[in-house]
Amino acid sequence: MKISKHFKWEAIILADLVSMVIGIPMVYLLLNDSISLPVQTMIGIPSIYFIVHIMLGFFFIAPFLSIDKMEWILDFGHSMGIKMTQMSPGEGIFTENYSFNSKQISHEIDIADLLGREEVELDDEKALNQISDQSVLVTGAGGSIGSEICRQIIKFSPRYLYLLGHGENSIYLIYQELRNLNLQHTEIIPVIADVQNKEYIETLMLKYQPDIVYHAAAHKHVPLMEANPTEAVKNNVFGTLNVAMAAKKANVGVFVMLSTDKANNPSGVMGATKRIAEMIVTGLNEEGHTIFTAVRFGNVLGSRGSVIPLFKRQIQAGGPVTVTDFNMRRFFMTIPEASRLVIQAGAYAKGGEIFILDMGEEVYIVDLAKKMIKLSGFTEDEIEIKEMGIRPGEKLYEELLLTDETIGEKVDDKIFVGRIQNMPLENILSFINRLDISGTNNSELRKRLVEYVHRNLQDS
């Protein structure tokens, strides 16, 4: 099908209008799909700043703009009836003999664009001073965040990096990825182990004697943990206790636990077990050599089990995109951001703190769905958004701090310390030891976990 002269001029007018409004020069590239005809006509002077591709009614935008400007262009194009999507230009885009390859069309969305704020960067110097030439162990190293922590850590040349996880395939993948970097200074050791195995975790900790432990192993899926509270307790509570106690026995220098905003005023199993895990970690800090600290952050964009992969699959299938409640909102951060925060916390930690990231404003899940639909090149008329109803254990919104907690000092521009109400370790261990997880039904176990957290919040 050949591009009509009429469409050609409409496209040029549209590109001129976009250029005029945002003030960025463009290249106009008109394409058609006829094999017997030349594949492109180029008009204008190539610009390294921004490229617009127009093909059979599609407007492909190279991703060199801020999210606000890109959204404006997408809205503008859709209002004129032109279907929009993104494209990443390959090498040779500015050459005279460049020809279009459909494989270059990308429907990938830059996760950072969905945040609505600038990403938090790592204080490299502080992290370097702490990690360089040290022995570092990461639990849950095969997970979305655990593996990214390993990628970030490796940049600072630790002497040893232990990748601990119970999933052999995920540990193998991150091990191969890091080993292929051909690093001279760092020895990478994959370790298959389950944090629920108290004796083995203690044996490993005493054997490897790490200087720093990042505890990322946890069950995090809210509805699944609500349906399986016994497993949540075994992994999130007893698993954390096992790793933390082993670290204390091995005289680890710094222990950093990954927590969640769902630990704040929890209404369900996952949040309650993570709050109890926080209590364990901060309680252990009261005596001994090891500095214990925790890091709270919101939902992680793009992690396994997050809404982003789900929305992507639903959009690719033509919809509908399913949202639990149109009023549900969450704090969000990217996987690299979460990982940087964890590393930063270890560098700032003095002991007993819970670090919290300034994540900006909460984001409505339905707005996230709309933005993803738009950035994927569709309109809401083409991809339906369907409300499914809130699930057990979920809240409409999350809180960064518990009701009576306040913000403490800021350790840098985007990270602050919450004044968290810590509990005596004896109190926590007494409750944990009384938990009969094998002899208690799910409903009763859920009730006991949530009530314990709220009761101790009131009594402290």
Protein backbone atom coordinates (compact mmCIF):
# COMPACT_ATOMS: atom_id res chain seq x y z
CA MET A 1 0.00 0.00 0.00
CA LYS A 2 1.43 3.33 -1.04
CA ILE A 3 1.26 6.39 1.18
CA SER A 4 -1.08 8.90 -0.37
CA LYS A 5 0.08 12.39 -1.16
CA HIS A 6 -2.66 13.65 1.11
CA PHE A 7 -1.41 11.57 4.06
CA LYS A 8 2.18 12.58 3.33
CA TRP A 9 1.37 16.25 3.80
CA GLU A 10 -0.82 15.55 6.85
CA ALA A 11 2.14 13.76 8.41
CA ILE A 12 4.53 16.61 7.67
CA ILE A 13 2.07 19.16 9.08
CA LEU A 14 1.67 17.07 12.24
CA ALA A 15 5.43 16.76 12.69
CA ASP A 16 5.85 20.51 12.15
CA LEU A 17 3.21 21.23 14.78
CA VAL A 18 4.86 18.90 17.28
CA SER A 19 8.25 20.47 16.56
CA MET A 20 6.85 23.96 16.95
CA VAL A 21 5.20 23.21 20.31
CA ILE A 22 8.08 21.37 21.99
CA GLY A 23 10.85 23.29 20.24
CA ILE A 24 12.94 20.30 19.11
CA PRO A 25 14.12 19.83 15.50
CA MET A 26 13.08 16.61 13.76
CA VAL A 27 13.69 14.31 10.86
CA TYR A 28 10.60 13.26 8.95
CA LEU A 29 10.73 9.73 7.56
CA LEU A 30 7.85 8.59 5.34
CA LEU A 31 7.60 4.86 4.71
CA ASN A 32 5.49 2.42 2.75
CA ASP A 33 5.27 -1.37 2.67
CA SER A 34 5.57 -1.94 -1.08
CA ILE A 35 8.62 -4.13 -1.81
CA SER A 36 8.81 -2.86 -5.38
CA LEU A 37 9.06 0.77 -4.30
CA PRO A 38 11.79 2.68 -2.41
CA VAL A 39 11.28 2.17 1.31
CA GLN A 40 11.66 5.73 2.42
CA THR A 41 11.63 9.39 1.57
CA MET A 42 13.61 11.66 3.84
CA ILE A 43 12.69 15.28 4.35
CA GLY A 44 14.59 17.77 6.47
CA ILE A 45 17.95 17.81 8.21
CA PRO A 46 18.95 14.90 10.49
CA SER A 47 18.89 15.75 14.16
CA ILE A 48 20.54 13.81 16.98
CA TYR A 49 17.87 15.02 19.39
CA PHE A 50 14.65 13.55 18.11
CA ILE A 51 13.38 11.47 15.23
CA VAL A 52 9.84 10.99 13.99
CA HIS A 53 8.96 8.02 11.79
CA ILE A 54 5.63 7.87 9.97
CA MET A 55 4.49 4.62 8.41
CA LEU A 56 1.02 3.80 7.07
CA GLY A 57 -0.69 5.88 9.73
CA PHE A 58 1.74 4.95 12.52
CA PHE A 59 3.87 7.57 14.21
CA PHE A 60 7.01 5.97 15.65
CA ILE A 61 8.79 8.06 18.24
CA ALA A 62 12.40 7.48 19.16
CA PRO A 63 12.70 7.62 22.97
CA PHE A 64 14.78 10.77 23.46
CA LEU A 65 12.18 12.85 25.29
CA SER A 66 10.90 13.34 28.80
CA ILE A 67 7.78 11.37 29.62
CA ASP A 68 5.65 14.55 29.73
CA LYS A 69 6.64 15.59 26.21
CA MET A 70 6.21 12.09 24.87
CA GLU A 71 2.73 11.84 26.38
CA TRP A 72 1.83 15.17 24.79
CA ILE A 73 2.91 13.89 21.37
CA LEU A 74 1.02 10.63 21.82
CA ASP A 75 -2.15 12.46 22.85
CA PHE A 76 -1.77 14.90 19.96
CA GLY A 77 -1.34 12.13 17.41
CA HIS A 78 -4.25 10.12 18.74
CA SER A 79 -6.47 13.20 18.62
CA MET A 80 -5.73 13.40 14.88
CA GLY A 81 -6.57 9.75 14.37
CA ILE A 82 -2.98 8.59 13.89
CA LYS A 83 -2.09 5.37 15.69
CA MET A 84 1.05 5.84 17.76
CA THR A 85 3.78 3.61 19.09
CA GLN A 86 7.50 3.83 19.87
CA MET A 87 10.54 2.78 17.89
CA SER A 88 14.23 2.63 18.69
CA PRO A 89 16.32 3.68 15.67
CA GLY A 90 19.15 1.35 14.78
CA GLU A 91 22.62 2.19 13.58
CA GLY A 92 22.73 3.99 10.29
CA ILE A 93 19.48 5.89 10.83
CA PHE A 94 21.11 9.05 9.52
CA THR A 95 22.72 7.43 6.49
CA GLU A 96 21.37 7.87 2.99
CA ASN A 97 20.92 4.13 2.39
CA TYR A 98 19.09 3.43 5.63
CA SER A 99 16.14 1.10 5.19
CA PHE A 100 13.43 0.31 7.68
CA ASN A 101 13.38 -3.01 9.49
CA SER A 102 10.17 -3.94 11.24
CA LYS A 103 12.16 -5.77 13.94
CA GLN A 104 13.33 -2.37 15.17
CA ILE A 105 9.83 -1.50 16.30
CA SER A 106 9.83 -1.67 20.07
CA HIS A 107 6.81 -1.87 22.31
CA GLU A 108 9.08 -1.94 25.36
CA ILE A 109 8.29 0.74 27.90
CA ASP A 110 11.04 2.37 29.90
CA ILE A 111 10.00 1.46 33.45
CA ALA A 112 11.55 4.66 34.81
CA ASP A 113 9.12 6.69 32.66
CA LEU A 114 6.22 5.38 34.74
CA LEU A 115 7.52 6.79 38.03
CA GLY A 116 6.45 10.38 37.52
CA ARG A 117 9.65 11.58 39.25
CA GLU A 118 13.42 11.44 38.85
CA GLU A 119 15.12 8.18 39.76
CA VAL A 120 17.25 8.14 42.90
CA GLU A 121 20.95 7.67 42.17
CA LEU A 122 23.51 5.89 44.31
CA ASP A 123 26.20 7.70 46.28
CA ASP A 124 29.02 5.81 44.58
CA GLU A 125 31.78 7.07 46.84
CA LYS A 126 30.05 6.00 50.05
CA ALA A 127 29.14 2.58 48.62
CA LEU A 128 32.66 2.10 47.27
CA ASN A 129 34.20 2.84 50.65
CA GLN A 130 32.03 0.22 52.32
CA ILE A 131 32.01 -2.59 49.72
CA SER A 132 35.42 -2.44 48.04
CA ASP A 133 37.60 -5.44 48.94
CA GLN A 134 34.94 -6.78 51.33
CA SER A 135 33.12 -10.11 51.53
CA VAL A 136 29.42 -9.70 50.67
CA LEU A 137 26.56 -12.21 50.90
CA VAL A 138 23.15 -11.67 49.30
CA THR A 139 20.19 -13.91 50.16
CA GLY A 140 17.47 -14.22 47.54
CA ALA A 141 20.20 -13.42 45.01
CA GLY A 142 18.25 -14.94 42.14
CA GLY A 143 15.18 -12.73 42.60
CA SER A 144 14.34 -9.51 40.78
CA ILE A 145 15.78 -7.23 43.47
CA GLY A 146 18.39 -9.62 44.86
CA SER A 147 19.98 -10.09 41.44
CA GLU A 148 20.02 -6.33 40.82
CA ILE A 149 21.69 -5.78 44.19
CA CYS A 150 24.39 -8.18 43.02
CA ARG A 151 24.78 -6.26 39.74
CA GLN A 152 25.18 -3.00 41.64
CA ILE A 153 27.56 -4.46 44.23
CA ILE A 154 29.88 -5.97 41.65
CA LYS A 155 30.69 -2.46 40.38
CA PHE A 156 32.42 -1.69 43.70
CA SER A 157 34.88 -4.61 43.52
CA PRO A 158 34.13 -6.73 46.57
CA ARG A 159 36.66 -9.47 47.19
CA TYR A 160 33.95 -12.14 47.49
CA LEU A 161 30.30 -12.07 46.42
CA TYR A 162 28.16 -14.97 47.65
CA LEU A 163 24.93 -15.51 45.68
CA LEU A 164 22.64 -17.39 48.06
CA GLY A 165 19.24 -18.69 47.00
CA HIS A 166 17.12 -21.83 46.99
CA GLY A 167 16.20 -21.67 43.28
CA GLU A 168 19.06 -23.27 41.37
CA ASN A 169 18.01 -21.93 37.96
CA SER A 170 17.79 -18.29 39.04
CA ILE A 171 21.09 -18.51 40.94
CA TYR A 172 22.72 -20.11 37.90
CA LEU A 173 21.51 -17.27 35.65
CA ILE A 174 22.82 -14.41 37.80
CA TYR A 175 26.05 -16.33 38.43
CA GLN A 176 26.64 -16.77 34.69
CA GLU A 177 25.77 -13.14 33.99
CA LEU A 178 28.23 -11.79 36.56
CA ARG A 179 30.94 -14.33 35.77
CA ASN A 180 30.83 -13.31 32.10
CA LEU A 181 31.97 -9.83 33.13
CA ASN A 182 35.45 -11.36 33.52
CA LEU A 183 36.17 -9.45 36.71
CA GLN A 184 39.70 -9.80 38.02
CA HIS A 185 39.21 -8.68 41.60
CA THR A 186 35.95 -10.37 42.67
CA GLU A 187 35.40 -14.07 43.26
CA ILE A 188 31.73 -14.97 42.76
CA ILE A 189 30.43 -18.01 44.65
CA PRO A 190 26.92 -19.42 43.99
CA VAL A 191 25.32 -21.01 47.06
CA ILE A 192 22.15 -23.10 46.93
CA ALA A 193 20.48 -22.92 50.34
CA ASP A 194 17.09 -22.32 51.96
CA VAL A 195 16.90 -19.60 54.62
CA GLN A 196 14.41 -21.81 56.49
CA ASN A 197 17.21 -24.31 57.18
CA LYS A 198 18.56 -22.82 60.40
CA GLU A 199 21.53 -25.17 60.91
CA TYR A 200 22.78 -24.97 57.34
CA ILE A 201 22.46 -21.17 57.17
CA GLU A 202 24.50 -20.92 60.37
CA THR A 203 27.12 -23.30 58.97
CA LEU A 204 27.42 -21.23 55.78
CA MET A 205 27.63 -17.93 57.64
CA LEU A 206 30.42 -19.22 59.88
CA LYS A 207 32.21 -20.73 56.88
CA TYR A 208 32.14 -17.64 54.64
CA GLN A 209 32.39 -14.95 57.37
CA PRO A 210 30.87 -12.15 55.22
CA ASP A 211 31.46 -8.53 56.15
CA ILE A 212 28.06 -7.44 54.80
CA VAL A 213 24.79 -9.35 54.39
CA TYR A 214 21.88 -8.11 52.26
CA HIS A 215 18.80 -10.16 53.16
CA ALA A 216 16.50 -10.08 50.13
CA ALA A 217 14.97 -13.57 50.44
CA ALA A 218 11.25 -13.32 51.18
CA HIS A 219 7.76 -14.20 50.02
CA LYS A 220 6.19 -10.94 48.79
CA HIS A 221 3.02 -11.77 46.82
CA VAL A 222 0.12 -10.42 48.90
CA PRO A 223 -2.83 -12.63 47.78
CA LEU A 224 -0.68 -15.78 47.70
CA MET A 225 0.63 -15.17 51.22
CA GLU A 226 -2.90 -14.47 52.42
CA ALA A 227 -3.88 -17.91 51.13
CA ASN A 228 -0.69 -19.54 52.46
CA PRO A 229 0.12 -17.86 55.79
CA THR A 230 2.16 -20.81 57.09
CA GLU A 231 4.66 -20.42 54.24
CA ALA A 232 4.79 -16.66 54.80
CA VAL A 233 5.71 -17.20 58.45
CA LYS A 234 8.29 -19.90 57.64
CA ASN A 235 10.07 -17.76 55.06
CA ASN A 236 9.57 -14.15 56.16
CA VAL A 237 9.70 -14.62 59.95
CA PHE A 238 11.73 -17.76 60.66
CA GLY A 239 13.88 -17.28 57.55
CA THR A 240 14.81 -13.76 58.64
CA LEU A 241 15.43 -14.93 62.21
CA ASN A 242 17.72 -17.72 60.97
CA VAL A 243 19.80 -15.46 58.71
CA ALA A 244 19.99 -12.62 61.26
CA MET A 245 20.97 -14.87 64.17
CA ALA A 246 23.59 -16.61 62.02
CA ALA A 247 24.98 -13.22 60.99
CA LYS A 248 25.21 -12.18 64.63
CA LYS A 249 26.99 -15.42 65.55
CA ALA A 250 29.46 -14.95 62.67
CA ASN A 251 30.15 -11.32 63.71
CA VAL A 252 29.00 -9.92 60.38
CA GLY A 253 29.73 -6.19 60.17
CA VAL A 254 26.47 -4.95 58.63
CA PHE A 255 23.15 -6.75 58.11
CA VAL A 256 20.60 -5.04 55.84
CA MET A 257 17.09 -6.46 55.54
CA LEU A 258 14.77 -5.58 52.67
CA SER A 259 11.32 -4.64 53.93
CA THR A 260 8.19 -3.11 52.41
CA ASP A 261 5.70 -0.31 52.95
CA LYS A 262 3.15 -3.09 53.51
CA ALA A 263 4.79 -3.60 56.92
CA ASN A 264 3.21 -0.31 57.96
CA ASN A 265 -0.11 -0.78 59.76
CA PRO A 266 -0.53 -4.16 58.04
CA SER A 267 -3.94 -5.57 57.21
CA GLY A 268 -2.71 -8.89 55.86
CA VAL A 269 -0.24 -11.73 56.26
CA MET A 270 2.57 -10.49 54.03
CA GLY A 271 2.76 -7.07 55.68
CA ALA A 272 2.46 -8.52 59.19
CA THR A 273 5.25 -11.07 58.64
CA LYS A 274 7.53 -8.38 57.22
CA ARG A 275 6.80 -6.09 60.20
CA ILE A 276 7.70 -8.93 62.59
CA ALA A 277 10.88 -9.47 60.56
CA GLU A 278 11.69 -5.77 61.05
CA MET A 279 11.15 -6.21 64.80
CA ILE A 280 13.59 -9.14 64.82
CA VAL A 281 16.27 -7.19 62.98
CA THR A 282 16.00 -4.00 65.03
CA GLY A 283 15.71 -6.03 68.24
CA LEU A 284 18.94 -7.88 67.49
CA ASN A 285 20.77 -4.57 67.16
CA GLU A 286 20.60 -3.91 70.89
CA GLU A 287 23.80 -5.81 71.67
CA GLY A 288 26.77 -7.32 69.89
CA HIS A 289 29.10 -6.41 67.04
CA THR A 290 26.72 -6.52 64.07
CA ILE A 291 24.95 -3.40 62.82
CA PHE A 292 21.37 -4.40 61.96
CA THR A 293 19.17 -2.21 59.78
CA ALA A 294 16.17 -2.50 57.46
CA VAL A 295 14.97 -0.70 54.34
CA ARG A 296 11.34 -0.04 53.49
CA PHE A 297 10.25 0.70 49.96
CA GLY A 298 7.09 0.59 47.89
CA ASN A 299 6.02 -1.54 44.98
CA VAL A 300 8.87 -2.32 42.61
CA LEU A 301 8.07 -1.62 38.96
CA GLY A 302 8.93 -4.52 36.68
CA SER A 303 9.70 -7.09 39.37
CA ARG A 304 8.28 -10.59 39.07
CA GLY A 305 4.75 -10.54 40.42
CA SER A 306 4.30 -6.77 39.98
CA VAL A 307 1.54 -5.22 37.90
CA ILE A 308 3.87 -4.14 35.08
CA PRO A 309 4.54 -7.59 33.56
CA LEU A 310 0.83 -8.39 34.02
CA PHE A 311 -0.28 -5.20 32.26
CA LYS A 312 2.22 -5.83 29.45
CA ARG A 313 0.84 -9.31 28.82
CA GLN A 314 -2.73 -8.04 28.91
CA ILE A 315 -1.99 -5.18 26.49
CA GLN A 316 -0.17 -7.50 24.10
CA ALA A 317 -3.20 -9.82 24.19
CA GLY A 318 -5.50 -6.93 23.26
CA GLY A 319 -6.94 -6.42 26.74
CA PRO A 320 -8.69 -6.07 28.99
CA VAL A 321 -6.22 -4.63 31.51
CA THR A 322 -7.42 -5.65 34.96
CA VAL A 323 -7.20 -3.32 37.98
CA THR A 324 -8.35 -4.44 41.42
CA ASP A 325 -9.91 -1.09 42.37
CA PHE A 326 -9.96 2.24 40.53
CA ASN A 327 -9.20 4.03 43.83
CA MET A 328 -6.18 1.87 44.70
CA ARG A 329 -2.88 3.74 44.83
CA ARG A 330 0.69 2.78 45.60
CA PHE A 331 4.21 4.16 46.04
CA PHE A 332 6.45 2.90 43.26
CA MET A 333 10.14 2.58 42.54
CA THR A 334 12.26 0.82 39.94
CA ILE A 335 14.34 -2.32 40.55
CA PRO A 336 17.65 -0.39 40.25
CA GLU A 337 16.29 2.27 42.62
CA ALA A 338 15.30 -0.30 45.24
CA SER A 339 18.69 -1.95 44.95
CA ARG A 340 20.57 1.34 45.27
CA LEU A 341 18.56 2.22 48.37
CA VAL A 342 19.47 -1.08 50.02
CA ILE A 343 23.17 -0.55 49.31
CA GLN A 344 22.97 3.07 50.45
CA ALA A 345 21.31 2.03 53.70
CA GLY A 346 24.15 -0.34 54.45
CA ALA A 347 26.60 2.51 53.97
CA TYR A 348 24.68 4.92 56.24
CA ALA A 349 23.59 2.41 58.89
CA LYS A 350 24.50 2.98 62.53
CA GLY A 351 22.18 0.27 63.82
CA GLY A 352 18.48 -0.18 64.57
CA GLU A 353 17.22 2.17 61.85
CA ILE A 354 14.62 1.62 59.19
CA PHE A 355 15.51 3.63 56.10
CA ILE A 356 12.76 4.96 53.86
CA LEU A 357 12.97 6.41 50.37
CA ASP A 358 11.24 9.63 49.45
CA MET A 359 9.18 8.10 46.65
CA GLY A 360 7.21 11.20 45.75
CA GLU A 361 3.45 10.98 45.46
CA GLU A 362 1.40 7.81 45.38
CA VAL A 363 0.31 6.65 41.93
CA TYR A 364 -3.19 5.42 41.14
CA ILE A 365 -2.94 1.92 39.65
CA VAL A 366 -5.56 2.81 37.06
CA ASP A 367 -3.44 5.80 35.95
CA LEU A 368 -0.46 3.47 35.61
CA ALA A 369 -2.58 1.21 33.40
CA LYS A 370 -3.68 4.17 31.25
CA LYS A 371 -0.09 5.37 30.86
CA MET A 372 1.10 1.90 29.83
CA ILE A 373 -1.69 1.59 27.27
CA LYS A 374 -0.77 4.98 25.83
CA LEU A 375 2.97 4.31 25.71
CA SER A 376 2.27 0.98 24.03
CA GLY A 377 0.61 2.82 21.15
CA PHE A 378 -3.04 2.25 21.99
CA THR A 379 -5.96 4.27 23.27
CA GLU A 380 -8.39 3.41 26.06
CA ASP A 381 -11.02 2.84 23.38
CA GLU A 382 -8.84 0.05 21.98
CA ILE A 383 -7.75 -1.52 25.29
CA GLU A 384 -10.42 -1.83 27.97
CA ILE A 385 -9.59 -1.32 31.66
CA LYS A 386 -11.68 -3.54 33.92
CA GLU A 387 -12.15 -3.22 37.70
CA MET A 388 -11.93 -6.64 39.38
CA GLY A 389 -12.41 -5.88 43.09
CA ILE A 390 -9.94 -5.69 45.97
CA ARG A 391 -8.38 -9.00 47.08
CA PRO A 392 -7.89 -10.40 50.62
CA GLY A 393 -4.98 -8.78 52.46
CA GLU A 394 -4.85 -5.72 50.19
CA LYS A 395 -5.39 -2.07 51.12
CA LEU A 396 -6.50 0.79 48.91
CA TYR A 397 -3.36 2.71 49.84
CA GLU A 398 -0.09 2.13 51.68
CA GLU A 399 1.62 4.21 54.35
CA LEU A 400 5.35 4.78 54.66
CA LEU A 401 5.27 4.93 58.45
CA LEU A 402 3.12 3.47 61.19
CA THR A 403 0.55 5.73 62.81
CA ASP A 404 2.70 6.98 65.68
CA GLU A 405 5.99 6.99 63.82
CA THR A 406 7.56 10.16 62.51
CA ILE A 407 10.25 11.05 60.04
CA GLY A 408 13.70 11.36 61.56
CA GLU A 409 16.82 12.77 60.01
CA LYS A 410 17.45 12.81 56.29
CA VAL A 411 20.69 11.08 55.43
CA ASP A 412 20.69 12.48 51.92
CA ASP A 413 18.31 14.25 49.56
CA LYS A 414 16.00 11.27 49.00
CA ILE A 415 16.53 8.94 51.98
CA PHE A 416 15.39 9.48 55.54
CA VAL A 417 15.32 7.48 58.76
CA GLY A 418 11.96 6.60 60.26
CA ARG A 419 11.64 6.90 64.03
CA ILE A 420 10.44 3.34 64.36
CA GLN A 421 9.02 1.91 67.57
CA ASN A 422 11.32 -1.03 68.28
CA MET A 423 10.33 -3.99 70.44
CA PRO A 424 12.43 -5.93 72.97
CA LEU A 425 13.80 -9.04 71.29
CA GLU A 426 12.55 -11.28 74.13
CA ASN A 427 8.98 -10.15 73.45
CA ILE A 428 9.27 -10.98 69.75
CA LEU A 429 10.96 -14.35 70.27
CA SER A 430 8.33 -15.34 72.85
CA PHE A 431 5.55 -14.69 70.33
CA ILE A 432 7.39 -16.48 67.52
CA ASN A 433 8.07 -19.53 69.67
CA ARG A 434 4.38 -19.75 70.59
CA LEU A 435 3.31 -19.77 66.93
CA ASP A 436 2.07 -23.28 66.21
CA ILE A 437 2.06 -22.88 62.43
CA SER A 438 1.45 -26.55 61.75
CA GLY A 439 -1.46 -26.87 64.17
CA THR A 440 -3.21 -23.55 63.50
CA ASN A 441 -5.70 -23.05 60.68
CA ASN A 442 -5.08 -20.30 58.14
CA SER A 443 -7.79 -17.97 59.43
CA GLU A 444 -6.56 -18.13 63.03
CA LEU A 445 -2.92 -17.71 62.00
CA ARG A 446 -3.74 -14.62 59.93
CA LYS A 447 -5.63 -13.14 62.87
CA ARG A 448 -2.81 -13.80 65.37
CA LEU A 449 -0.14 -12.24 63.13
CA VAL A 450 -2.03 -9.02 62.44
CA GLU A 451 -3.27 -8.66 66.04
CA TYR A 452 0.25 -9.09 67.42
CA VAL A 453 1.63 -6.29 65.27
CA HIS A 454 -1.21 -3.90 66.10
CA ARG A 455 -1.22 -4.75 69.81
CA ASN A 456 2.48 -4.01 70.13
CA LEU A 457 2.07 -0.81 68.17
CA GLN A 458 -0.46 0.40 70.75
CA ASP A 459 1.48 -0.83 73.80
CA SER A 460 4.88 0.58 72.80
